[in-house]
């Protein structure tokens, strides 16, 4: 389900059965995306960090259940990340 959300950021991913094919892209672009589970949440956050512009990841409660203080850890590495209330 998160392939379409990564594609919103400019990724070039498509599914054929149970296989995902990924083509390299020069750049990802900020967008509003929605997390569907823990792995999708973390993938979208990481993709958003390398994207040009602002990425808003909605439904991040999955991250809070799966990772302890992920935003603090990313901030300590120099990430430009902030939690916004909805």
N, C-alpha and C. Protein backbone atom coordinates (compact mmCIF):
# COMPACT_ATOMS: atom_id res chain seq x y z
N UNK A 1 0.81 -1.20 0.00
CA UNK A 1 0.00 0.00 0.00
C UNK A 1 0.86 1.27 0.00
N UNK A 2 2.08 1.20 0.51
CA UNK A 2 2.88 2.42 0.59
C UNK A 2 3.64 2.72 -0.69
N UNK A 3 3.58 1.85 -1.69
CA UNK A 3 4.22 2.13 -2.98
C UNK A 3 3.63 3.40 -3.58
N UNK A 4 2.32 3.53 -3.54
CA UNK A 4 1.69 4.73 -4.12
C UNK A 4 2.10 5.99 -3.36
N UNK A 5 2.31 5.88 -2.06
CA UNK A 5 2.74 7.04 -1.28
C UNK A 5 4.18 7.42 -1.62
N UNK A 6 5.05 6.45 -1.80
CA UNK A 6 6.42 6.76 -2.23
C UNK A 6 6.43 7.36 -3.63
N UNK A 7 5.56 6.88 -4.49
CA UNK A 7 5.45 7.44 -5.84
C UNK A 7 4.99 8.89 -5.80
N UNK A 8 4.19 9.27 -4.80
CA UNK A 8 3.78 10.68 -4.64
C UNK A 8 4.98 11.58 -4.43
N UNK A 9 6.05 11.02 -3.84
CA UNK A 9 7.28 11.78 -3.61
C UNK A 9 8.18 11.82 -4.84
N UNK A 10 7.76 11.11 -5.90
CA UNK A 10 8.55 11.10 -7.13
C UNK A 10 9.28 9.80 -7.39
N UNK A 11 9.10 8.81 -6.52
CA UNK A 11 9.73 7.51 -6.75
C UNK A 11 9.11 6.86 -8.00
N UNK A 12 9.81 5.93 -8.58
CA UNK A 12 9.32 5.19 -9.75
C UNK A 12 9.28 3.71 -9.39
N UNK A 13 8.19 3.32 -8.73
CA UNK A 13 8.03 1.95 -8.24
C UNK A 13 6.73 1.40 -8.81
N UNK A 14 6.76 0.16 -9.25
CA UNK A 14 5.53 -0.49 -9.68
C UNK A 14 5.54 -1.94 -9.24
N UNK A 15 4.35 -2.46 -9.09
CA UNK A 15 4.18 -3.83 -8.61
C UNK A 15 3.73 -4.73 -9.73
N UNK A 16 4.29 -5.94 -9.72
CA UNK A 16 3.82 -6.98 -10.64
C UNK A 16 3.72 -8.25 -9.80
N UNK A 17 2.51 -8.57 -9.40
CA UNK A 17 2.32 -9.69 -8.49
C UNK A 17 2.91 -9.35 -7.14
N UNK A 18 3.78 -10.21 -6.66
CA UNK A 18 4.40 -9.99 -5.34
C UNK A 18 5.80 -9.39 -5.46
N UNK A 19 6.12 -8.83 -6.63
CA UNK A 19 7.44 -8.24 -6.87
C UNK A 19 7.30 -6.74 -7.09
N UNK A 20 8.15 -5.98 -6.42
CA UNK A 20 8.20 -4.53 -6.63
C UNK A 20 9.44 -4.21 -7.45
N UNK A 21 9.24 -3.47 -8.51
CA UNK A 21 10.36 -3.02 -9.34
C UNK A 21 10.58 -1.53 -9.07
N UNK A 22 11.84 -1.15 -8.91
CA UNK A 22 12.20 0.22 -8.57
C UNK A 22 13.19 0.74 -9.60
N UNK A 23 12.84 1.85 -10.23
CA UNK A 23 13.78 2.51 -11.13
C UNK A 23 14.39 3.69 -10.39
N UNK A 24 15.66 3.94 -10.58
CA UNK A 24 16.29 5.09 -9.92
C UNK A 24 15.72 6.40 -10.45
N UNK A 25 15.62 7.37 -9.57
CA UNK A 25 15.19 8.72 -9.95
C UNK A 25 16.26 9.69 -9.46
N UNK A 26 16.35 10.83 -10.11
CA UNK A 26 17.37 11.82 -9.75
C UNK A 26 17.03 12.50 -8.43
N UNK A 27 15.74 12.66 -8.14
CA UNK A 27 15.37 13.44 -6.97
C UNK A 27 13.96 13.07 -6.52
N UNK A 28 13.74 13.15 -5.21
CA UNK A 28 12.40 13.02 -4.65
C UNK A 28 11.92 14.41 -4.28
N UNK A 29 10.61 14.60 -4.24
CA UNK A 29 10.03 15.91 -3.97
C UNK A 29 9.05 15.81 -2.82
N UNK A 30 9.02 16.81 -1.97
CA UNK A 30 8.14 16.83 -0.82
C UNK A 30 6.67 16.73 -1.22
N UNK A 31 5.90 16.06 -0.38
CA UNK A 31 4.46 15.90 -0.62
C UNK A 31 3.80 15.50 0.69
N UNK A 32 2.48 15.55 0.71
CA UNK A 32 1.72 15.01 1.83
C UNK A 32 1.49 13.54 1.56
N UNK A 33 1.89 12.69 2.50
CA UNK A 33 1.74 11.25 2.34
C UNK A 33 1.12 10.66 3.61
N UNK A 34 0.57 9.45 3.48
CA UNK A 34 -0.09 8.81 4.60
C UNK A 34 0.54 7.46 4.88
N UNK A 35 0.95 7.26 6.13
CA UNK A 35 1.56 6.00 6.55
C UNK A 35 0.48 4.96 6.82
N UNK A 36 0.73 3.73 6.40
CA UNK A 36 -0.25 2.66 6.59
C UNK A 36 0.18 1.63 7.62
N UNK A 37 1.47 1.58 7.92
CA UNK A 37 1.97 0.66 8.94
C UNK A 37 3.37 1.11 9.38
N UNK A 38 4.01 0.34 10.24
CA UNK A 38 5.30 0.74 10.78
C UNK A 38 6.37 0.87 9.71
N UNK A 39 6.49 -0.12 8.85
CA UNK A 39 7.53 -0.05 7.80
C UNK A 39 7.26 1.08 6.83
N UNK A 40 6.01 1.27 6.46
CA UNK A 40 5.67 2.38 5.56
C UNK A 40 6.00 3.71 6.22
N UNK A 41 5.69 3.83 7.51
CA UNK A 41 5.98 5.07 8.23
C UNK A 41 7.46 5.40 8.18
N UNK A 42 8.30 4.44 8.50
CA UNK A 42 9.74 4.70 8.51
C UNK A 42 10.26 4.96 7.11
N UNK A 43 9.76 4.24 6.11
CA UNK A 43 10.20 4.47 4.72
C UNK A 43 9.81 5.87 4.26
N UNK A 44 8.61 6.32 4.61
CA UNK A 44 8.17 7.64 4.20
C UNK A 44 8.94 8.75 4.90
N UNK A 45 9.26 8.55 6.17
CA UNK A 45 10.07 9.54 6.89
C UNK A 45 11.45 9.64 6.26
N UNK A 46 12.09 8.51 6.00
CA UNK A 46 13.42 8.55 5.40
C UNK A 46 13.39 9.15 3.99
N UNK A 47 12.38 8.79 3.20
CA UNK A 47 12.26 9.36 1.86
C UNK A 47 12.02 10.87 1.96
N UNK A 48 11.20 11.27 2.93
CA UNK A 48 10.94 12.69 3.12
C UNK A 48 12.18 13.47 3.51
N UNK A 49 13.07 12.84 4.25
CA UNK A 49 14.30 13.51 4.64
C UNK A 49 15.23 13.79 3.46
N UNK A 50 15.20 12.95 2.45
CA UNK A 50 16.05 13.18 1.29
C UNK A 50 15.33 13.95 0.18
N UNK A 51 14.01 14.13 0.34
CA UNK A 51 13.24 14.83 -0.68
C UNK A 51 13.53 16.32 -0.66
N UNK A 52 13.39 16.93 -1.80
CA UNK A 52 13.52 18.38 -1.94
C UNK A 52 12.19 18.99 -1.52
N UNK A 53 12.21 19.90 -0.58
CA UNK A 53 10.98 20.52 -0.11
C UNK A 53 10.48 19.87 1.17
N UNK A 54 9.23 20.13 1.49
CA UNK A 54 8.64 19.68 2.74
C UNK A 54 7.77 18.45 2.49
N UNK A 55 7.95 17.45 3.33
CA UNK A 55 7.11 16.25 3.31
C UNK A 55 6.37 16.17 4.63
N UNK A 56 5.06 15.99 4.57
CA UNK A 56 4.24 15.78 5.75
C UNK A 56 3.77 14.34 5.76
N UNK A 57 4.15 13.59 6.78
CA UNK A 57 3.75 12.19 6.91
C UNK A 57 2.60 12.14 7.91
N UNK A 58 1.44 11.76 7.45
CA UNK A 58 0.26 11.67 8.29
C UNK A 58 0.11 10.25 8.85
N UNK A 59 -0.57 10.13 9.98
CA UNK A 59 -0.83 8.86 10.67
C UNK A 59 0.47 8.22 11.16
N UNK A 60 1.27 8.98 11.88
CA UNK A 60 2.56 8.46 12.35
C UNK A 60 2.47 7.71 13.67
N UNK A 61 1.26 7.47 14.14
CA UNK A 61 1.12 6.73 15.40
C UNK A 61 1.77 5.35 15.30
N UNK A 62 1.91 4.83 14.10
CA UNK A 62 2.61 3.56 13.91
C UNK A 62 4.06 3.68 14.38
N UNK A 63 4.68 4.81 14.06
CA UNK A 63 6.07 5.04 14.47
C UNK A 63 6.21 5.07 15.98
N UNK A 64 5.27 5.72 16.63
CA UNK A 64 5.33 5.83 18.08
C UNK A 64 5.23 4.47 18.76
N UNK A 65 4.47 3.57 18.17
CA UNK A 65 4.36 2.22 18.75
C UNK A 65 5.58 1.37 18.45
N UNK A 66 6.24 1.63 17.34
CA UNK A 66 7.33 0.75 16.91
C UNK A 66 8.74 1.23 17.24
N UNK A 67 8.91 2.54 17.43
CA UNK A 67 10.24 3.09 17.67
C UNK A 67 10.21 4.01 18.87
N UNK A 68 11.24 3.96 19.68
CA UNK A 68 11.35 4.83 20.83
C UNK A 68 12.08 6.11 20.44
N UNK A 69 11.37 7.24 20.45
CA UNK A 69 11.95 8.56 20.19
C UNK A 69 12.68 8.64 18.85
N UNK A 70 12.04 8.18 17.79
CA UNK A 70 12.68 8.20 16.47
C UNK A 70 13.04 9.63 16.05
N UNK A 71 12.14 10.57 16.27
CA UNK A 71 12.45 11.93 15.84
C UNK A 71 13.65 12.50 16.60
N UNK A 72 13.79 12.18 17.89
CA UNK A 72 14.95 12.63 18.65
C UNK A 72 16.24 12.04 18.12
N UNK A 73 16.19 10.77 17.75
CA UNK A 73 17.38 10.11 17.20
C UNK A 73 17.76 10.72 15.85
N UNK A 74 16.75 10.99 15.02
CA UNK A 74 17.03 11.60 13.72
C UNK A 74 17.54 13.03 13.89
N UNK A 75 16.97 13.76 14.84
CA UNK A 75 17.47 15.12 15.13
C UNK A 75 18.93 15.09 15.56
N UNK A 76 19.31 14.10 16.36
CA UNK A 76 20.70 14.01 16.83
C UNK A 76 21.66 13.72 15.68
N UNK A 77 21.13 13.21 14.57
CA UNK A 77 21.95 12.95 13.38
C UNK A 77 21.95 14.14 12.42
N UNK A 78 21.22 15.19 12.77
CA UNK A 78 21.19 16.38 11.93
C UNK A 78 19.97 16.50 11.03
N UNK A 79 18.98 15.65 11.23
CA UNK A 79 17.79 15.71 10.40
C UNK A 79 17.00 16.99 10.67
N UNK A 80 16.38 17.52 9.65
CA UNK A 80 15.48 18.67 9.79
C UNK A 80 14.07 18.09 9.85
N UNK A 81 13.63 17.77 11.06
CA UNK A 81 12.36 17.07 11.24
C UNK A 81 11.63 17.68 12.43
N UNK A 82 10.31 17.74 12.33
CA UNK A 82 9.52 18.29 13.41
C UNK A 82 8.16 17.64 13.42
N UNK A 83 7.66 17.39 14.63
CA UNK A 83 6.32 16.81 14.79
C UNK A 83 5.32 17.95 14.87
N UNK A 84 4.29 17.87 14.04
CA UNK A 84 3.22 18.86 14.03
C UNK A 84 1.95 18.21 14.56
N UNK A 85 1.15 18.94 15.28
CA UNK A 85 -0.13 18.40 15.71
C UNK A 85 -1.16 18.61 14.61
N UNK A 86 -2.08 17.68 14.54
CA UNK A 86 -3.12 17.79 13.49
C UNK A 86 -4.40 18.27 14.09
